[in-house]
Amino acid sequence: MVAASAVDSMLKARGLKTGTLYARIDQAKNEHLITPEMADWAHEVRLDANENRHADESVLMPSIQDAQRAIDFAEALGQFLFVLPSRVRRGRVGANNGAVPEPRP
């Protein structure tokens, strides 16, 4: 559940603040903030968290592997949304003697 909350917080930090988590994941995909495969993984994390949050007795408790998969996705999303873009910006500035290059048309 905490991993799904982290996913939610990261999407909100990138400006996707309205609607459900489901809608924000799809919006991130449609705006090319994440890949379609990342969106699929995000939905899996979201669904796993829903199952546990609703405490349905027919649903098995998550395994260590399930938890690790959710954590792995949250870490990958953080890298993709925040770390990688920052590294690209720094690399581009360094390659242009401190000037930020103009985007290409």
PDB file of N, CA and C in Angstrom:
ATOM      1  N   MET A   1       0.824  -1.189   0.000  1.00  0.00           N
ATOM      2  CA  MET A   1       0.000   0.000   0.000  1.00  0.00           C
ATOM      3  C   MET A   1       0.869   1.254   0.000  1.00  0.00           C
ATOM      4  N   VAL A   2       1.983   1.192   0.705  1.00  0.00           N
ATOM      5  CA  VAL A   2       2.866   2.355   0.776  1.00  0.00           C
ATOM      6  C   VAL A   2       3.506   2.627  -0.585  1.00  0.00           C
ATOM      7  N   ALA A   3       3.854   1.575  -1.318  1.00  0.00           N
ATOM      8  CA  ALA A   3       4.427   1.761  -2.655  1.00  0.00           C
ATOM      9  C   ALA A   3       3.419   2.446  -3.573  1.00  0.00           C
ATOM     10  N   ALA A   4       2.151   2.049  -3.509  1.00  0.00           N
ATOM     11  CA  ALA A   4       1.117   2.685  -4.328  1.00  0.00           C
ATOM     12  C   ALA A   4       0.954   4.142  -3.926  1.00  0.00           C
ATOM     13  N   SER A   5       1.065   4.422  -2.641  1.00  0.00           N
ATOM     14  CA  SER A   5       0.991   5.802  -2.167  1.00  0.00           C
ATOM     15  C   SER A   5       2.179   6.614  -2.683  1.00  0.00           C
ATOM     16  N   ALA A   6       3.353   5.989  -2.746  1.00  0.00           N
ATOM     17  CA  ALA A   6       4.534   6.665  -3.283  1.00  0.00           C
ATOM     18  C   ALA A   6       4.342   6.971  -4.766  1.00  0.00           C
ATOM     19  N   VAL A   7       3.779   6.021  -5.509  1.00  0.00           N
ATOM     20  CA  VAL A   7       3.486   6.240  -6.928  1.00  0.00           C
ATOM     21  C   VAL A   7       2.534   7.431  -7.063  1.00  0.00           C
ATOM     22  N   ASP A   8       1.493   7.455  -6.269  1.00  0.00           N
ATOM     23  CA  ASP A   8       0.520   8.543  -6.281  1.00  0.00           C
ATOM     24  C   ASP A   8       1.207   9.877  -6.006  1.00  0.00           C
ATOM     25  N   SER A   9       2.053   9.925  -4.995  1.00  0.00           N
ATOM     26  CA  SER A   9       2.746  11.166  -4.633  1.00  0.00           C
ATOM     27  C   SER A   9       3.677  11.645  -5.741  1.00  0.00           C
ATOM     28  N   MET A  10       4.378  10.719  -6.386  1.00  0.00           N
ATOM     29  CA  MET A  10       5.287  11.117  -7.466  1.00  0.00           C
ATOM     30  C   MET A  10       4.525  11.677  -8.655  1.00  0.00           C
ATOM     31  N   LEU A  11       3.396  11.070  -8.990  1.00  0.00           N
ATOM     32  CA  LEU A  11       2.597  11.594 -10.096  1.00  0.00           C
ATOM     33  C   LEU A  11       2.062  12.984  -9.759  1.00  0.00           C
ATOM     34  N   LYS A  12       1.642  13.175  -8.527  1.00  0.00           N
ATOM     35  CA  LYS A  12       1.169  14.498  -8.105  1.00  0.00           C
ATOM     36  C   LYS A  12       2.292  15.517  -8.156  1.00  0.00           C
ATOM     37  N   ALA A  13       3.503  15.109  -7.776  1.00  0.00           N
ATOM     38  CA  ALA A  13       4.656  16.015  -7.820  1.00  0.00           C
ATOM     39  C   ALA A  13       4.970  16.444  -9.249  1.00  0.00           C
ATOM     40  N   ARG A  14       4.599  15.635 -10.210  1.00  0.00           N
ATOM     41  CA  ARG A  14       4.809  15.981 -11.621  1.00  0.00           C
ATOM     42  C   ARG A  14       3.595  16.713 -12.208  1.00  0.00           C
ATOM     43  N   GLY A  15       2.658  17.119 -11.349  1.00  0.00           N
ATOM     44  CA  GLY A  15       1.542  17.954 -11.787  1.00  0.00           C
ATOM     45  C   GLY A  15       0.257  17.212 -12.094  1.00  0.00           C
ATOM     46  N   LEU A  16       0.248  15.900 -11.925  1.00  0.00           N
ATOM     47  CA  LEU A  16      -0.968  15.121 -12.188  1.00  0.00           C
ATOM     48  C   LEU A  16      -1.733  14.971 -10.876  1.00  0.00           C
ATOM     49  N   LYS A  17      -2.633  15.921 -10.613  1.00  0.00           N
ATOM     50  CA  LYS A  17      -3.256  15.995  -9.293  1.00  0.00           C
ATOM     51  C   LYS A  17      -4.745  15.699  -9.273  1.00  0.00           C
ATOM     52  N   THR A  18      -5.381  15.626 -10.419  1.00  0.00           N
ATOM     53  CA  THR A  18      -6.833  15.433 -10.417  1.00  0.00           C
ATOM     54  C   THR A  18      -7.196  14.003 -10.789  1.00  0.00           C
ATOM     55  N   GLY A  19      -8.370  13.601 -10.350  1.00  0.00           N
ATOM     56  CA  GLY A  19      -8.875  12.276 -10.684  1.00  0.00           C
ATOM     57  C   GLY A  19      -8.311  11.192  -9.788  1.00  0.00           C
ATOM     58  N   THR A  20      -8.616   9.974 -10.152  1.00  0.00           N
ATOM     59  CA  THR A  20      -8.175   8.818  -9.386  1.00  0.00           C
ATOM     60  C   THR A  20      -6.735   8.470  -9.740  1.00  0.00           C
ATOM     61  N   LEU A  21      -6.132   7.603  -8.948  1.00  0.00           N
ATOM     62  CA  LEU A  21      -4.788   7.129  -9.267  1.00  0.00           C
ATOM     63  C   LEU A  21      -4.811   6.432 -10.627  1.00  0.00           C
ATOM     64  N   TYR A  22      -5.845   5.662 -10.894  1.00  0.00           N
ATOM     65  CA  TYR A  22      -6.002   5.002 -12.191  1.00  0.00           C
ATOM     66  C   TYR A  22      -5.916   6.019 -13.324  1.00  0.00           C
ATOM     67  N   ALA A  23      -6.661   7.103 -13.188  1.00  0.00           N
ATOM     68  CA  ALA A  23      -6.694   8.130 -14.233  1.00  0.00           C
ATOM     69  C   ALA A  23      -5.342   8.833 -14.347  1.00  0.00           C
ATOM     70  N   ARG A  24      -4.678   9.081 -13.212  1.00  0.00           N
ATOM     71  CA  ARG A  24      -3.384   9.766 -13.254  1.00  0.00           C
ATOM     72  C   ARG A  24      -2.309   8.893 -13.903  1.00  0.00           C
ATOM     73  N   ILE A  25      -2.363   7.592 -13.670  1.00  0.00           N
ATOM     74  CA  ILE A  25      -1.414   6.685 -14.328  1.00  0.00           C
ATOM     75  C   ILE A  25      -1.621   6.744 -15.837  1.00  0.00           C
ATOM     76  N   ASP A  26      -2.868   6.675 -16.276  1.00  0.00           N
ATOM     77  CA  ASP A  26      -3.149   6.740 -17.710  1.00  0.00           C
ATOM     78  C   ASP A  26      -2.776   8.105 -18.286  1.00  0.00           C
ATOM     79  N   GLN A  27      -3.002   9.166 -17.526  1.00  0.00           N
ATOM     80  CA  GLN A  27      -2.625  10.500 -17.981  1.00  0.00           C
ATOM     81  C   GLN A  27      -1.103  10.597 -18.138  1.00  0.00           C
ATOM     82  N   ALA A  28      -0.361  10.039 -17.190  1.00  0.00           N
ATOM     83  CA  ALA A  28       1.108  10.041 -17.288  1.00  0.00           C
ATOM     84  C   ALA A  28       1.552   9.296 -18.544  1.00  0.00           C
ATOM     85  N   LYS A  29       0.899   8.193 -18.847  1.00  0.00           N
ATOM     86  CA  LYS A  29       1.215   7.442 -20.071  1.00  0.00           C
ATOM     87  C   LYS A  29       0.878   8.273 -21.304  1.00  0.00           C
ATOM     88  N   ASN A  30      -0.308   8.863 -21.329  1.00  0.00           N
ATOM     89  CA  ASN A  30      -0.746   9.635 -22.494  1.00  0.00           C
ATOM     90  C   ASN A  30       0.094  10.888 -22.721  1.00  0.00           C
ATOM     91  N   GLU A  31       0.651  11.444 -21.644  1.00  0.00           N
ATOM     92  CA  GLU A  31       1.517  12.624 -21.755  1.00  0.00           C
ATOM     93  C   GLU A  31       2.986  12.222 -21.922  1.00  0.00           C
ATOM     94  N   HIS A  32       3.237  10.934 -22.070  1.00  0.00           N
ATOM     95  CA  HIS A  32       4.570  10.388 -22.298  1.00  0.00           C
ATOM     96  C   HIS A  32       5.534  10.660 -21.148  1.00  0.00           C
ATOM     97  N   LEU A  33       4.989  10.795 -19.922  1.00  0.00           N
ATOM     98  CA  LEU A  33       5.849  10.877 -18.744  1.00  0.00           C
ATOM     99  C   LEU A  33       6.377   9.496 -18.384  1.00  0.00           C
ATOM    100  N   ILE A  34       5.589   8.465 -18.701  1.00  0.00           N
ATOM    101  CA  ILE A  34       5.998   7.079 -18.484  1.00  0.00           C
ATOM    102  C   ILE A  34       5.664   6.278 -19.732  1.00  0.00           C
ATOM    103  N   THR A  35       6.314   5.144 -19.869  1.00  0.00           N
ATOM    104  CA  THR A  35       6.051   4.277 -21.025  1.00  0.00           C
ATOM    105  C   THR A  35       4.767   3.477 -20.792  1.00  0.00           C
ATOM    106  N   PRO A  36       4.188   2.926 -21.847  1.00  0.00           N
ATOM    107  CA  PRO A  36       3.006   2.070 -21.666  1.00  0.00           C
ATOM    108  C   PRO A  36       3.289   0.886 -20.733  1.00  0.00           C
ATOM    109  N   GLU A  37       4.492   0.324 -20.812  1.00  0.00           N
ATOM    110  CA  GLU A  37       4.840  -0.800 -19.941  1.00  0.00           C
ATOM    111  C   GLU A  37       4.915  -0.357 -18.475  1.00  0.00           C
ATOM    112  N   MET A  38       5.433   0.850 -18.243  1.00  0.00           N
ATOM    113  CA  MET A  38       5.470   1.368 -16.875  1.00  0.00           C
ATOM    114  C   MET A  38       4.053   1.605 -16.360  1.00  0.00           C
ATOM    115  N   ALA A  39       3.171   2.061 -17.228  1.00  0.00           N
ATOM    116  CA  ALA A  39       1.776   2.266 -16.828  1.00  0.00           C
ATOM    117  C   ALA A  39       1.140   0.939 -16.430  1.00  0.00           C
ATOM    118  N   ASP A  40       1.415  -0.111 -17.209  1.00  0.00           N
ATOM    119  CA  ASP A  40       0.884  -1.428 -16.863  1.00  0.00           C
ATOM    120  C   ASP A  40       1.386  -1.870 -15.494  1.00  0.00           C
ATOM    121  N   TRP A  41       2.678  -1.671 -15.251  1.00  0.00           N
ATOM    122  CA  TRP A  41       3.270  -2.059 -13.957  1.00  0.00           C
ATOM    123  C   TRP A  41       2.660  -1.219 -12.835  1.00  0.00           C
ATOM    124  N   ALA A  42       2.468   0.078 -13.085  1.00  0.00           N
ATOM    125  CA  ALA A  42       1.858   0.958 -12.075  1.00  0.00           C
ATOM    126  C   ALA A  42       0.450   0.484 -11.734  1.00  0.00           C
ATOM    127  N   HIS A  43      -0.309   0.073 -12.741  1.00  0.00           N
ATOM    128  CA  HIS A  43      -1.664  -0.431 -12.480  1.00  0.00           C
ATOM    129  C   HIS A  43      -1.611  -1.730 -11.660  1.00  0.00           C
ATOM    130  N   GLU A  44      -0.622  -2.578 -11.914  1.00  0.00           N
ATOM    131  CA  GLU A  44      -0.486  -3.803 -11.119  1.00  0.00           C
ATOM    132  C   GLU A  44      -0.214  -3.466  -9.651  1.00  0.00           C
ATOM    133  N   VAL A  45       0.673  -2.505  -9.415  1.00  0.00           N
ATOM    134  CA  VAL A  45       0.967  -2.075  -8.047  1.00  0.00           C
ATOM    135  C   VAL A  45      -0.281  -1.499  -7.402  1.00  0.00           C
ATOM    136  N   ARG A  46      -1.015  -0.681  -8.164  1.00  0.00           N
ATOM    137  CA  ARG A  46      -2.251  -0.072  -7.654  1.00  0.00           C
ATOM    138  C   ARG A  46      -3.274  -1.136  -7.281  1.00  0.00           C
ATOM    139  N   LEU A  47      -3.460  -2.128  -8.155  1.00  0.00           N
ATOM    140  CA  LEU A  47      -4.440  -3.190  -7.888  1.00  0.00           C
ATOM    141  C   LEU A  47      -4.032  -4.046  -6.687  1.00  0.00           C
ATOM    142  N   ASP A  48      -2.745  -4.359  -6.591  1.00  0.00           N
ATOM    143  CA  ASP A  48      -2.268  -5.132  -5.438  1.00  0.00           C
ATOM    144  C   ASP A  48      -2.535  -4.380  -4.139  1.00  0.00           C
ATOM    145  N   ALA A  49      -2.320  -3.069  -4.150  1.00  0.00           N
ATOM    146  CA  ALA A  49      -2.567  -2.263  -2.952  1.00  0.00           C
ATOM    147  C   ALA A  49      -4.054  -2.229  -2.618  1.00  0.00           C
ATOM    148  N   ASN A  50      -4.903  -2.153  -3.652  1.00  0.00           N
ATOM    149  CA  ASN A  50      -6.353  -2.154  -3.413  1.00  0.00           C
ATOM    150  C   ASN A  50      -6.793  -3.436  -2.730  1.00  0.00           C
ATOM    151  N   GLU A  51      -6.269  -4.568  -3.201  1.00  0.00           N
ATOM    152  CA  GLU A  51      -6.649  -5.850  -2.610  1.00  0.00           C
ATOM    153  C   GLU A  51      -6.307  -5.889  -1.130  1.00  0.00           C
ATOM    154  N   ASN A  52      -5.141  -5.400  -0.782  1.00  0.00           N
ATOM    155  CA  ASN A  52      -4.719  -5.434   0.612  1.00  0.00           C
ATOM    156  C   ASN A  52      -5.433  -4.400   1.466  1.00  0.00           C
ATOM    157  N   ARG A  53      -5.722  -3.258   0.890  1.00  0.00           N
ATOM    158  CA  ARG A  53      -6.380  -2.197   1.647  1.00  0.00           C
ATOM    159  C   ARG A  53      -7.808  -2.580   2.006  1.00  0.00           C
ATOM    160  N   HIS A  54      -8.477  -3.337   1.148  1.00  0.00           N
ATOM    161  CA  HIS A  54      -9.867  -3.701   1.401  1.00  0.00           C
ATOM    162  C   HIS A  54      -9.994  -4.919   2.315  1.00  0.00           C
ATOM    163  N   ALA A  55      -8.897  -5.546   2.646  1.00  0.00           N
ATOM    164  CA  ALA A  55      -8.861  -6.665   3.595  1.00  0.00           C
ATOM    165  C   ALA A  55      -9.869  -7.758   3.263  1.00  0.00           C
ATOM    166  N   ASP A  56      -9.946  -8.107   2.008  1.00  0.00           N
ATOM    167  CA  ASP A  56     -10.820  -9.186   1.567  1.00  0.00           C
ATOM    168  C   ASP A  56     -10.220 -10.506   2.056  1.00  0.00           C
ATOM    169  N   GLU A  57     -10.996 -11.272   2.799  1.00  0.00           N
ATOM    170  CA  GLU A  57     -10.481 -12.522   3.368  1.00  0.00           C
ATOM    171  C   GLU A  57     -10.120 -13.550   2.307  1.00  0.00           C
ATOM    172  N   SER A  58     -10.672 -13.423   1.096  1.00  0.00           N
ATOM    173  CA  SER A  58     -10.364 -14.392   0.047  1.00  0.00           C
ATOM    174  C   SER A  58      -9.045 -14.082  -0.657  1.00  0.00           C
ATOM    175  N   VAL A  59      -8.479 -12.918  -0.394  1.00  0.00           N
ATOM    176  CA  VAL A  59      -7.226 -12.516  -1.027  1.00  0.00           C
ATOM    177  C   VAL A  59      -6.068 -12.922  -0.127  1.00  0.00           C
ATOM    178  N   LEU A  60      -5.082 -13.570  -0.728  1.00  0.00           N
ATOM    179  CA  LEU A  60      -3.905 -13.976   0.036  1.00  0.00           C
ATOM    180  C   LEU A  60      -3.089 -12.753   0.452  1.00  0.00           C
ATOM    181  N   MET A  61      -2.436 -12.857   1.581  1.00  0.00           N
ATOM    182  CA  MET A  61      -1.535 -11.797   2.020  1.00  0.00           C
ATOM    183  C   MET A  61      -0.388 -11.706   1.021  1.00  0.00           C
ATOM    184  N   PRO A  62       0.114 -10.506   0.792  1.00  0.00           N
ATOM    185  CA  PRO A  62       1.215 -10.378  -0.162  1.00  0.00           C
ATOM    186  C   PRO A  62       2.465 -11.080   0.351  1.00  0.00           C
ATOM    187  N   SER A  63       3.229 -11.607  -0.587  1.00  0.00           N
ATOM    188  CA  SER A  63       4.481 -12.274  -0.243  1.00  0.00           C
ATOM    189  C   SER A  63       5.610 -11.245  -0.207  1.00  0.00           C
ATOM    190  N   ILE A  64       6.755 -11.689   0.238  1.00  0.00           N
ATOM    191  CA  ILE A  64       7.936 -10.826   0.209  1.00  0.00           C
ATOM    192  C   ILE A  64       8.236 -10.429  -1.234  1.00  0.00           C
ATOM    193  N   GLN A  65       8.050 -11.348  -2.164  1.00  0.00           N
ATOM    194  CA  GLN A  65       8.298 -11.058  -3.578  1.00  0.00           C
ATOM    195  C   GLN A  65       7.317 -10.005  -4.107  1.00  0.00           C
ATOM    196  N   ASP A  66       6.057 -10.085  -3.662  1.00  0.00           N
ATOM    197  CA  ASP A  66       5.065  -9.087  -4.067  1.00  0.00           C
ATOM    198  C   ASP A  66       5.478  -7.699  -3.565  1.00  0.00           C
ATOM    199  N   ALA A  67       5.890  -7.644  -2.310  1.00  0.00           N
ATOM    200  CA  ALA A  67       6.318  -6.373  -1.728  1.00  0.00           C
ATOM    201  C   ALA A  67       7.542  -5.839  -2.457  1.00  0.00           C
ATOM    202  N   GLN A  68       8.496  -6.711  -2.755  1.00  0.00           N
ATOM    203  CA  GLN A  68       9.716  -6.275  -3.433  1.00  0.00           C
ATOM    204  C   GLN A  68       9.409  -5.749  -4.823  1.00  0.00           C
ATOM    205  N   ARG A  69       8.461  -6.393  -5.514  1.00  0.00           N
ATOM    206  CA  ARG A  69       8.067  -5.938  -6.846  1.00  0.00           C
ATOM    207  C   ARG A  69       7.481  -4.528  -6.794  1.00  0.00           C
ATOM    208  N   ALA A  70       6.660  -4.258  -5.783  1.00  0.00           N
ATOM    209  CA  ALA A  70       6.060  -2.934  -5.630  1.00  0.00           C
ATOM    210  C   ALA A  70       7.131  -1.892  -5.304  1.00  0.00           C
ATOM    211  N   ILE A  71       8.056  -2.255  -4.438  1.00  0.00           N
ATOM    212  CA  ILE A  71       9.149  -1.334  -4.096  1.00  0.00           C
ATOM    213  C   ILE A  71      10.029  -1.083  -5.314  1.00  0.00           C
ATOM    214  N   ASP A  72      10.322  -2.149  -6.063  1.00  0.00           N
ATOM    215  CA  ASP A  72      11.135  -2.003  -7.274  1.00  0.00           C
ATOM    216  C   ASP A  72      10.488  -1.023  -8.247  1.00  0.00           C
ATOM    217  N   PHE A  73       9.170  -1.114  -8.391  1.00  0.00           N
ATOM    218  CA  PHE A  73       8.503  -0.197  -9.311  1.00  0.00           C
ATOM    219  C   PHE A  73       8.577   1.237  -8.787  1.00  0.00           C
ATOM    220  N   ALA A  74       8.308   1.439  -7.505  1.00  0.00           N
ATOM    221  CA  ALA A  74       8.355   2.797  -6.949  1.00  0.00           C
ATOM    222  C   ALA A  74       9.746   3.404  -7.144  1.00  0.00           C
ATOM    223  N   GLU A  75      10.788   2.611  -6.937  1.00  0.00           N
ATOM    224  CA  GLU A  75      12.152   3.101  -7.150  1.00  0.00           C
ATOM    225  C   GLU A  75      12.401   3.413  -8.632  1.00  0.00           C
ATOM    226  N   ALA A  76      11.951   2.531  -9.515  1.00  0.00           N
ATOM    227  CA  ALA A  76      12.136   2.754 -10.952  1.00  0.00           C
ATOM    228  C   ALA A  76      11.393   4.008 -11.404  1.00  0.00           C
ATOM    229  N   LEU A  77      10.189   4.204 -10.889  1.00  0.00           N
ATOM    230  CA  LEU A  77       9.413   5.386 -11.258  1.00  0.00           C
ATOM    231  C   LEU A  77      10.117   6.653 -10.792  1.00  0.00           C
ATOM    232  N   GLY A  78      10.638   6.642  -9.581  1.00  0.00           N
ATOM    233  CA  GLY A  78      11.378   7.802  -9.078  1.00  0.00           C
ATOM    234  C   GLY A  78      12.598   8.109  -9.939  1.00  0.00           C
ATOM    235  N   GLN A  79      13.302   7.063 -10.328  1.00  0.00           N
ATOM    236  CA  GLN A  79      14.457   7.244 -11.214  1.00  0.00           C
ATOM    237  C   GLN A  79      14.016   7.855 -12.549  1.00  0.00           C
ATOM    238  N   PHE A  80      12.946   7.315 -13.109  1.00  0.00           N
ATOM    239  CA  PHE A  80      12.486   7.725 -14.431  1.00  0.00           C
ATOM    240  C   PHE A  80      11.912   9.142 -14.427  1.00  0.00           C
ATOM    241  N   LEU A  81      11.130   9.489 -13.395  1.00  0.00           N
ATOM    242  CA  LEU A  81      10.465  10.796 -13.359  1.00  0.00           C
ATOM    243  C   LEU A  81      11.344  11.923 -12.855  1.00  0.00           C
ATOM    244  N   PHE A  82      12.323  11.610 -11.988  1.00  0.00           N
ATOM    245  CA  PHE A  82      13.077  12.679 -11.340  1.00  0.00           C
ATOM    246  C   PHE A  82      14.590  12.601 -11.549  1.00  0.00           C
ATOM    247  N   VAL A  83      15.171  11.444 -11.322  1.00  0.00           N
ATOM    248  CA  VAL A  83      16.622  11.328 -11.378  1.00  0.00           C
ATOM    249  C   VAL A  83      17.138  11.426 -12.815  1.00  0.00           C
ATOM    250  N   LEU A  84      16.590  10.631 -13.708  1.00  0.00           N
ATOM    251  CA  LEU A  84      17.065  10.635 -15.086  1.00  0.00           C
ATOM    252  C   LEU A  84      16.900  12.003 -15.756  1.00  0.00           C
ATOM    253  N   PRO A  85      15.736  12.662 -15.654  1.00  0.00           N
ATOM    254  CA  PRO A  85      15.630  13.991 -16.269  1.00  0.00           C
ATOM    255  C   PRO A  85      16.646  14.989 -15.705  1.00  0.00           C
ATOM    256  N   SER A  86      16.920  14.900 -14.425  1.00  0.00           N
ATOM    257  CA  SER A  86      17.912  15.791 -13.819  1.00  0.00           C
ATOM    258  C   SER A  86      19.303  15.514 -14.373  1.00  0.00           C
ATOM    259  N   ARG A  87      19.639  14.243 -14.508  1.00  0.00           N
ATOM    260  CA  ARG A  87      20.946  13.879 -15.068  1.00  0.00           C
ATOM    261  C   ARG A  87      21.064  14.342 -16.522  1.00  0.00           C
ATOM    262  N   VAL A  88      19.999  14.204 -17.280  1.00  0.00           N
ATOM    263  CA  VAL A  88      20.020  14.649 -18.678  1.00  0.00           C
ATOM    264  C   VAL A  88      20.222  16.156 -18.742  1.00  0.00           C
ATOM    265  N   ARG A  89      19.496  16.914 -17.909  1.00  0.00           N
ATOM    266  CA  ARG A  89      19.660  18.376 -17.893  1.00  0.00           C
ATOM    267  C   ARG A  89      21.097  18.758 -17.564  1.00  0.00           C
ATOM    268  N   ARG A  90      21.665  18.135 -16.515  1.00  0.00           N
ATOM    269  CA  ARG A  90      23.052  18.438 -16.132  1.00  0.00           C
ATOM    270  C   ARG A  90      24.015  18.085 -17.254  1.00  0.00           C
ATOM    271  N   GLY A  91      23.792  16.949 -17.897  1.00  0.00           N
ATOM    272  CA  GLY A  91      24.662  16.538 -18.999  1.00  0.00           C
ATOM    273  C   GLY A  91      24.586  17.487 -20.174  1.00  0.00           C
ATOM    274  N   ARG A  92      23.405  17.958 -20.465  1.00  0.00           N
ATOM    275  CA  ARG A  92      23.242  18.880 -21.598  1.00  0.00           C
ATOM    276  C   ARG A  92      23.847  20.228 -21.297  1.00  0.00           C
ATOM    277  N   VAL A  93      23.704  20.696 -20.068  1.00  0.00           N
ATOM    278  CA  VAL A  93      24.302  21.973 -19.688  1.00  0.00           C
ATOM    279  C   VAL A  93      25.825  21.859 -19.734  1.00  0.00           C
ATOM    280  N   GLY A  94      26.365  20.757 -19.214  1.00  0.00           N
ATOM    281  CA  GLY A  94      27.812  20.557 -19.223  1.00  0.00           C
ATOM    282  C   GLY A  94      28.375  20.479 -20.625  1.00  0.00           C
ATOM    283  N   ALA A  95      27.621  19.895 -21.546  1.00  0.00           N
ATOM    284  CA  ALA A  95      28.077  19.756 -22.934  1.00  0.00           C
ATOM    285  C   ALA A  95      27.996  21.071 -23.692  1.00  0.00           C
ATOM    286  N   ASN A  96      27.275  22.035 -23.144  1.00  0.00           N
ATOM    287  CA  ASN A  96      27.095  23.323 -23.827  1.00  0.00           C
ATOM    288  C   ASN A  96      27.714  24.469 -23.047  1.00  0.00           C
ATOM    289  N   ASN A  97      28.778  24.166 -22.315  1.00  0.00           N
ATOM    290  CA  ASN A  97      29.507  25.196 -21.554  1.00  0.00           C
ATOM    291  C   ASN A  97      28.608  26.010 -20.639  1.00  0.00           C
ATOM    292  N   GLY A  98      27.682  25.329 -19.983  1.00  0.00           N
ATOM    293  CA  GLY A  98      26.820  25.977 -19.002  1.00  0.00           C
ATOM    294  C   GLY A  98      25.542  26.561 -19.559  1.00  0.00           C
ATOM    295  N   ALA A  99      25.376  26.591 -20.877  1.00  0.00           N
ATOM    296  CA  ALA A  99      24.155  27.132 -21.473  1.00  0.00           C
ATOM    297  C   ALA A  99      23.156  26.001 -21.691  1.00  0.00           C
ATOM    298  N   VAL A 100      21.915  26.256 -21.356  1.00  0.00           N
ATOM    299  CA  VAL A 100      20.869  25.259 -21.600  1.00  0.00           C
ATOM    300  C   VAL A 100      20.478  25.344 -23.064  1.00  0.00           C
ATOM    301  N   PRO A 101      20.649  24.258 -23.821  1.00  0.00           N
ATOM    302  CA  PRO A 101      20.303  24.309 -25.250  1.00  0.00           C
ATOM    303  C   PRO A 101      18.809  24.446 -25.463  1.00  0.00           C
ATOM    304  N   GLU A 102      18.472  25.098 -26.558  1.00  0.00           N
ATOM    305  CA  GLU A 102      17.060  25.243 -26.934  1.00  0.00           C
ATOM    306  C   GLU A 102      16.526  23.910 -27.430  1.00  0.00           C
ATOM    307  N   PRO A 103      15.260  23.594 -27.120  1.00  0.00           N
ATOM    308  CA  PRO A 103      14.673  22.338 -27.654  1.00  0.00           C
ATOM    309  C   PRO A 103      14.591  22.406 -29.165  1.00  0.00           C
ATOM    310  N   ARG A 104      14.743  21.256 -29.781  1.00  0.00           N
ATOM    311  CA  ARG A 104      14.624  21.186 -31.247  1.00  0.00           C
ATOM    312  C   ARG A 104      13.157  21.137 -31.637  1.00  0.00           C
ATOM    313  N   PRO A 105      12.823  21.745 -32.783  1.00  0.00           N
ATOM    314  CA  PRO A 105      11.408  21.730 -33.215  1.00  0.00           C
ATOM    315  C   PRO A 105      10.932  20.347 -33.601  1.00  0.00           C
TER     316      PRO A 105
END
